[in-house]
């Protein structure tokens, strides 16, 4: 798989899956046994289909073929936590805090954040460049807040990748995150935390930004989607979650650059100019 250009995380995931199936059967080199083991594991259909595809590659290397099973991907509605729950997780781990705050503000995938290098972070302009996009996404430059910048500054600079300094691969980050999540769920007596994954931060970013701005093009840029197909899922979630929303806005006028900056930092978005020196901003109530 490495020779075929697969990423290390993909290889590690497949090793883990093959290992789990191998515990259920006698001979992993027997396609029929593997098929039976795959049918008995409690995985999502999408995971089973991916595993079957990888097993086809494996069989090819040992000179065998099979008639692979076909699993139909079952789409699910994303779980969207509250911002308070997201912030509670950010504050639950001093080690993970800079990473989680970055995921919250940028909507990056964990693999994209894992491969961010120090040279990709522009402290002065408060941006992070995604130069290792995943899932066929586009590279992009994403803004971050001063709060996020300050948190990133606390990371020692010994390693070239700030969010991967203490682990050999992404699995290490996942273990640390799961431990923090379990502690937070228990401390706050809130089982909803157990549904939150790294990718949930991406779902939260997309839905909340679209709810505030109703700007599909902006969301597509933030997420790096090449087409609107994936972005449409978040639009559907927002329309469902906030179907009874009055849509009322708080509007304010900025008369100079300083006032405009303050409004943006408060979550207001630009609407239009109202003359040569004034501009209208708005934020949902």
Protein backbone atom coordinates (compact mmCIF):
# COMPACT_ATOMS: atom_id res chain seq x y z
CA UNK A 1 0.00 0.00 0.00
CA UNK A 2 2.90 2.32 0.65
CA UNK A 3 4.21 1.66 -2.86
CA UNK A 4 0.76 2.56 -4.19
CA UNK A 5 0.93 5.94 -2.49
CA UNK A 6 -1.33 5.24 0.48
CA UNK A 7 -0.77 7.41 3.53
CA UNK A 8 0.78 5.97 6.68
CA UNK A 9 -2.42 6.56 8.65
CA UNK A 10 -4.40 4.54 6.09
CA UNK A 11 -1.91 1.68 6.36
CA UNK A 12 -2.04 1.72 10.16
CA UNK A 13 -5.86 1.71 10.11
CA UNK A 14 -5.90 -1.30 7.82
CA UNK A 15 -3.40 -3.18 9.97
CA UNK A 16 -5.67 -2.59 12.97
CA UNK A 17 -8.75 -3.80 11.08
CA UNK A 18 -7.03 -6.87 9.66
CA UNK A 19 -5.76 -7.72 13.14
CA UNK A 20 -9.28 -7.58 14.58
CA UNK A 21 -10.63 -9.87 11.85
CA UNK A 22 -7.68 -12.25 12.23
CA UNK A 23 -8.78 -12.85 15.84
CA UNK A 24 -12.13 -14.16 14.56
CA UNK A 25 -10.86 -16.59 11.92
CA UNK A 26 -8.21 -19.28 11.52
CA UNK A 27 -6.57 -18.21 8.25
CA UNK A 28 -6.54 -14.60 7.09
CA UNK A 29 -5.24 -15.74 3.70
CA UNK A 30 -8.51 -17.59 3.06
CA UNK A 31 -10.86 -15.12 1.30
CA UNK A 32 -14.01 -16.93 2.41
CA UNK A 33 -12.92 -16.90 6.04
CA UNK A 34 -12.02 -13.23 5.79
CA UNK A 35 -15.43 -12.51 4.26
CA UNK A 36 -17.13 -14.27 7.17
CA UNK A 37 -15.03 -12.40 9.72
CA UNK A 38 -15.79 -9.10 8.03
CA UNK A 39 -19.51 -9.86 8.15
CA UNK A 40 -19.37 -10.50 11.90
CA UNK A 41 -17.50 -7.40 13.08
CA UNK A 42 -19.66 -4.53 14.30
CA UNK A 43 -18.42 -1.82 11.96
CA UNK A 44 -20.18 0.71 9.80
CA UNK A 45 -20.77 -0.40 6.22
CA UNK A 46 -18.38 2.29 4.98
CA UNK A 47 -15.58 0.81 7.13
CA UNK A 48 -16.35 -2.70 5.93
CA UNK A 49 -16.29 -1.59 2.29
CA UNK A 50 -12.95 0.16 2.75
CA UNK A 51 -11.53 -2.91 4.47
CA UNK A 52 -12.76 -5.19 1.66
CA UNK A 53 -11.05 -2.95 -0.89
CA UNK A 54 -7.79 -3.09 1.07
CA UNK A 55 -8.06 -6.88 1.35
CA UNK A 56 -8.29 -7.08 -2.44
CA UNK A 57 -4.92 -5.32 -2.59
CA UNK A 58 -3.53 -7.70 0.02
CA UNK A 59 -4.70 -10.78 -1.90
CA UNK A 60 -3.07 -9.46 -5.05
CA UNK A 61 0.32 -9.39 -3.28
CA UNK A 62 0.02 -13.10 -2.38
CA UNK A 63 -1.31 -14.13 -5.80
CA UNK A 64 -4.95 -14.63 -4.89
CA UNK A 65 -8.31 -13.15 -5.86
CA UNK A 66 -11.83 -13.25 -4.46
CA UNK A 67 -15.40 -12.15 -5.03
CA UNK A 68 -15.55 -9.23 -2.60
CA UNK A 69 -18.76 -8.40 -0.73
CA UNK A 70 -20.45 -5.10 -1.42
CA UNK A 71 -21.50 -2.92 1.46
CA UNK A 72 -23.76 0.07 0.82
CA UNK A 73 -22.66 3.15 2.68
CA UNK A 74 -25.31 4.33 5.13
CA UNK A 75 -25.36 8.09 5.55
CA UNK A 76 -25.92 9.43 9.06
CA UNK A 77 -26.78 12.85 10.42
CA UNK A 78 -23.73 14.34 12.08
CA UNK A 79 -23.79 14.86 15.83
CA UNK A 80 -23.41 18.58 16.57
CA UNK A 81 -22.41 19.47 20.16
CA UNK A 82 -22.93 22.87 21.74
CA UNK A 83 -20.11 25.41 21.82
CA UNK A 84 -19.99 25.03 25.61
CA UNK A 85 -19.29 21.32 25.17
CA UNK A 86 -16.59 22.03 22.57
CA UNK A 87 -14.95 24.57 24.89
CA UNK A 88 -15.11 22.14 27.81
CA UNK A 89 -13.08 19.65 25.80
CA UNK A 90 -10.60 22.32 24.72
CA UNK A 91 -10.04 23.17 28.38
CA UNK A 92 -9.89 19.54 29.51
CA UNK A 93 -6.29 18.91 28.44
CA UNK A 94 -3.37 21.31 28.62
CA UNK A 95 -1.48 19.24 26.06
CA UNK A 96 -4.35 19.04 23.56
CA UNK A 97 -5.75 22.55 24.09
CA UNK A 98 -3.85 24.28 21.21
CA UNK A 99 -4.80 21.49 18.78
CA UNK A 100 -8.47 21.41 19.80
CA UNK A 101 -8.79 25.19 19.65
CA UNK A 102 -7.26 25.09 16.16
CA UNK A 103 -9.71 22.39 15.06
CA UNK A 104 -12.58 24.45 16.45
CA UNK A 105 -11.58 27.62 14.59
CA UNK A 106 -10.45 26.10 11.29
CA UNK A 107 -12.51 22.96 10.74
CA UNK A 108 -9.39 21.06 9.64
CA UNK A 109 -9.35 17.29 9.62
CA UNK A 110 -7.14 15.80 12.31
CA UNK A 111 -4.77 14.44 9.65
CA UNK A 112 -4.43 17.89 8.12
CA UNK A 113 -3.69 19.43 11.52
CA UNK A 114 -1.29 16.61 12.39
CA UNK A 115 0.86 17.48 9.34
CA UNK A 116 0.87 21.26 9.92
CA UNK A 117 4.44 22.51 10.25
CA UNK A 118 5.67 25.61 12.02
CA UNK A 119 6.33 27.24 8.66
CA UNK A 120 2.61 26.88 7.85
CA UNK A 121 1.64 29.09 10.80
CA UNK A 122 1.73 32.86 10.25
CA UNK A 123 1.67 34.39 13.72
CA UNK A 124 1.69 37.98 12.47
CA UNK A 125 -1.30 37.58 10.14
CA UNK A 126 -2.97 34.94 12.34
CA UNK A 127 -3.41 32.28 9.67
CA UNK A 128 -2.64 28.59 9.17
CA UNK A 129 -1.97 27.06 5.75
CA UNK A 130 -3.32 23.58 5.03
CA UNK A 131 -0.60 22.22 2.75
CA UNK A 132 -1.42 18.55 3.32
CA UNK A 133 -5.14 18.34 2.51
CA UNK A 134 -6.91 15.00 2.80
CA UNK A 135 -9.77 13.25 0.98
CA UNK A 136 -9.03 15.11 -2.25
CA UNK A 137 -9.65 18.50 -0.63
CA UNK A 138 -8.05 21.75 -1.72
CA UNK A 139 -5.12 23.41 0.06
CA UNK A 140 -6.22 26.57 1.82
CA UNK A 141 -5.27 29.39 4.19
CA UNK A 142 -7.49 29.70 7.27
CA UNK A 143 -7.71 32.53 9.81
CA UNK A 144 -7.33 31.96 13.53
CA UNK A 145 -7.99 34.18 16.54
CA UNK A 146 -5.42 35.82 18.78
CA UNK A 147 -6.52 33.39 21.50
CA UNK A 148 -5.57 30.48 19.26
CA UNK A 149 -2.25 32.14 18.39
CA UNK A 150 -1.43 32.58 22.07
CA UNK A 151 -2.20 28.91 22.74
CA UNK A 152 0.01 27.79 19.84
CA UNK A 153 2.84 29.92 21.18
CA UNK A 154 2.92 27.77 24.33
CA UNK A 155 3.96 24.72 22.28
CA UNK A 156 7.72 23.98 22.45
CA UNK A 157 9.39 24.32 19.04
CA UNK A 158 11.72 21.32 19.20
CA UNK A 159 9.67 19.35 16.67
CA UNK A 160 8.89 20.61 13.14
CA UNK A 161 5.17 19.81 13.56
CA UNK A 162 3.55 21.57 16.55
CA UNK A 163 0.52 19.29 16.91
CA UNK A 164 2.49 16.05 16.54
CA UNK A 165 5.39 16.72 18.86
CA UNK A 166 4.58 14.08 21.51
CA UNK A 167 3.30 11.21 19.35
CA UNK A 168 4.67 8.97 16.59
CA UNK A 169 1.40 8.86 14.66
CA UNK A 170 -2.21 10.05 14.85
CA UNK A 171 -3.28 7.08 16.96
CA UNK A 172 -1.36 8.58 19.86
CA UNK A 173 -3.38 11.78 19.61
CA UNK A 174 -6.60 9.77 19.49
CA UNK A 175 -5.75 7.89 22.69
CA UNK A 176 -4.93 11.11 24.55
CA UNK A 177 -8.14 12.71 23.28
CA UNK A 178 -10.29 9.74 24.28
CA UNK A 179 -8.88 9.85 27.79
CA UNK A 180 -9.62 13.58 28.09
CA UNK A 181 -13.11 13.03 26.68
CA UNK A 182 -13.89 10.27 29.18
CA UNK A 183 -12.69 12.41 32.10
CA UNK A 184 -14.80 15.35 30.96
CA UNK A 185 -17.92 13.22 30.44
CA UNK A 186 -17.57 11.82 33.95
CA UNK A 187 -16.69 15.13 35.62
CA UNK A 188 -19.63 16.97 34.04
CA UNK A 189 -21.98 13.96 34.12
CA UNK A 190 -22.69 14.48 30.43
CA UNK A 191 -22.61 11.33 28.23
CA UNK A 192 -22.89 13.46 25.08
CA UNK A 193 -19.13 14.05 25.27
CA UNK A 194 -18.58 10.40 24.35
CA UNK A 195 -20.04 11.13 20.90
CA UNK A 196 -17.47 13.82 20.15
CA UNK A 197 -14.51 12.89 17.95
CA UNK A 198 -11.82 14.98 16.32
CA UNK A 199 -14.00 15.13 13.21
CA UNK A 200 -16.91 16.48 15.26
CA UNK A 201 -15.01 19.76 15.55
CA UNK A 202 -15.16 20.01 11.74
CA UNK A 203 -18.90 19.34 11.73
CA UNK A 204 -19.43 21.96 14.44
CA UNK A 205 -17.39 24.57 12.57
CA UNK A 206 -19.25 24.04 9.31
CA UNK A 207 -22.75 24.16 10.77
CA UNK A 208 -22.20 27.10 13.10
CA UNK A 209 -20.46 29.20 10.44
CA UNK A 210 -23.22 28.54 7.92
CA UNK A 211 -25.86 29.34 10.52
CA UNK A 212 -24.20 32.69 11.23
CA UNK A 213 -23.44 33.73 7.66
CA UNK A 214 -25.55 31.61 5.27
CA UNK A 215 -22.55 31.74 2.92
CA UNK A 216 -22.17 28.36 1.20
CA UNK A 217 -19.11 29.42 -0.80
CA UNK A 218 -17.25 30.47 2.35
CA UNK A 219 -18.02 27.14 4.07
CA UNK A 220 -16.79 25.23 1.03
CA UNK A 221 -13.50 27.15 1.16
CA UNK A 222 -13.04 26.56 4.89
CA UNK A 223 -13.63 22.83 4.50
CA UNK A 224 -11.65 22.56 1.26
CA UNK A 225 -14.48 20.87 -0.65
CA UNK A 226 -14.03 20.77 -4.41
CA UNK A 227 -17.78 20.49 -5.03
CA UNK A 228 -20.95 21.52 -3.23
CA UNK A 229 -22.12 17.93 -2.67
CA UNK A 230 -20.47 17.50 0.73
CA UNK A 231 -21.21 21.07 1.79
CA UNK A 232 -24.92 20.53 1.15
CA UNK A 233 -25.03 18.06 4.04
CA UNK A 234 -24.18 20.81 6.51
CA UNK A 235 -26.77 23.13 5.00
CA UNK A 236 -29.41 20.43 5.53
CA UNK A 237 -28.36 20.02 9.18
CA UNK A 238 -28.57 23.77 9.82
CA UNK A 239 -32.00 24.01 8.22
CA UNK A 240 -33.17 21.11 10.41
CA UNK A 241 -31.64 22.24 13.69
CA UNK A 242 -32.77 25.84 13.34
CA UNK A 243 -36.04 25.36 11.44
CA UNK A 244 -37.91 27.41 14.05
CA UNK A 245 -35.30 30.15 14.23
CA UNK A 246 -36.70 33.63 13.77
CA UNK A 247 -33.65 34.65 11.79
CA UNK A 248 -33.38 37.94 13.67
CA UNK A 249 -30.12 39.83 13.58
CA UNK A 250 -28.21 42.28 15.70
CA UNK A 251 -26.88 45.00 13.39
CA UNK A 252 -24.17 47.53 14.12
CA UNK A 253 -22.39 50.24 12.17
CA UNK A 254 -18.61 50.68 12.07
CA UNK A 255 -17.32 54.18 11.40
CA UNK A 256 -13.63 53.35 11.19
CA UNK A 257 -11.17 50.46 10.96
CA UNK A 258 -10.89 50.08 14.73
CA UNK A 259 -14.66 49.69 15.21
CA UNK A 260 -14.85 47.26 12.28
CA UNK A 261 -12.08 45.13 13.80
CA UNK A 262 -13.83 45.06 17.17
CA UNK A 263 -17.11 43.96 15.58
CA UNK A 264 -15.44 41.18 13.64
CA UNK A 265 -13.74 39.94 16.82
CA UNK A 266 -17.19 39.85 18.45
CA UNK A 267 -18.49 37.58 15.69
CA UNK A 268 -20.15 40.17 13.45
CA UNK A 269 -19.89 39.78 9.68
CA UNK A 270 -19.67 42.49 7.03
CA UNK A 271 -22.86 43.26 5.05
CA UNK A 272 -22.18 46.36 2.93
CA UNK A 273 -20.96 49.94 2.95
CA UNK A 274 -23.26 52.77 3.95
CA UNK A 275 -21.13 55.57 2.60
CA UNK A 276 -17.47 56.39 2.26
CA UNK A 277 -16.68 55.96 5.98
CA UNK A 278 -19.29 53.63 7.43
CA UNK A 279 -20.10 49.93 7.02
CA UNK A 280 -22.91 47.69 8.27
CA UNK A 281 -22.19 44.47 10.19
CA UNK A 282 -24.55 41.86 11.56
CA UNK A 283 -24.67 38.82 13.88
CA UNK A 284 -27.48 36.43 14.63
CA UNK A 285 -29.16 36.92 18.00
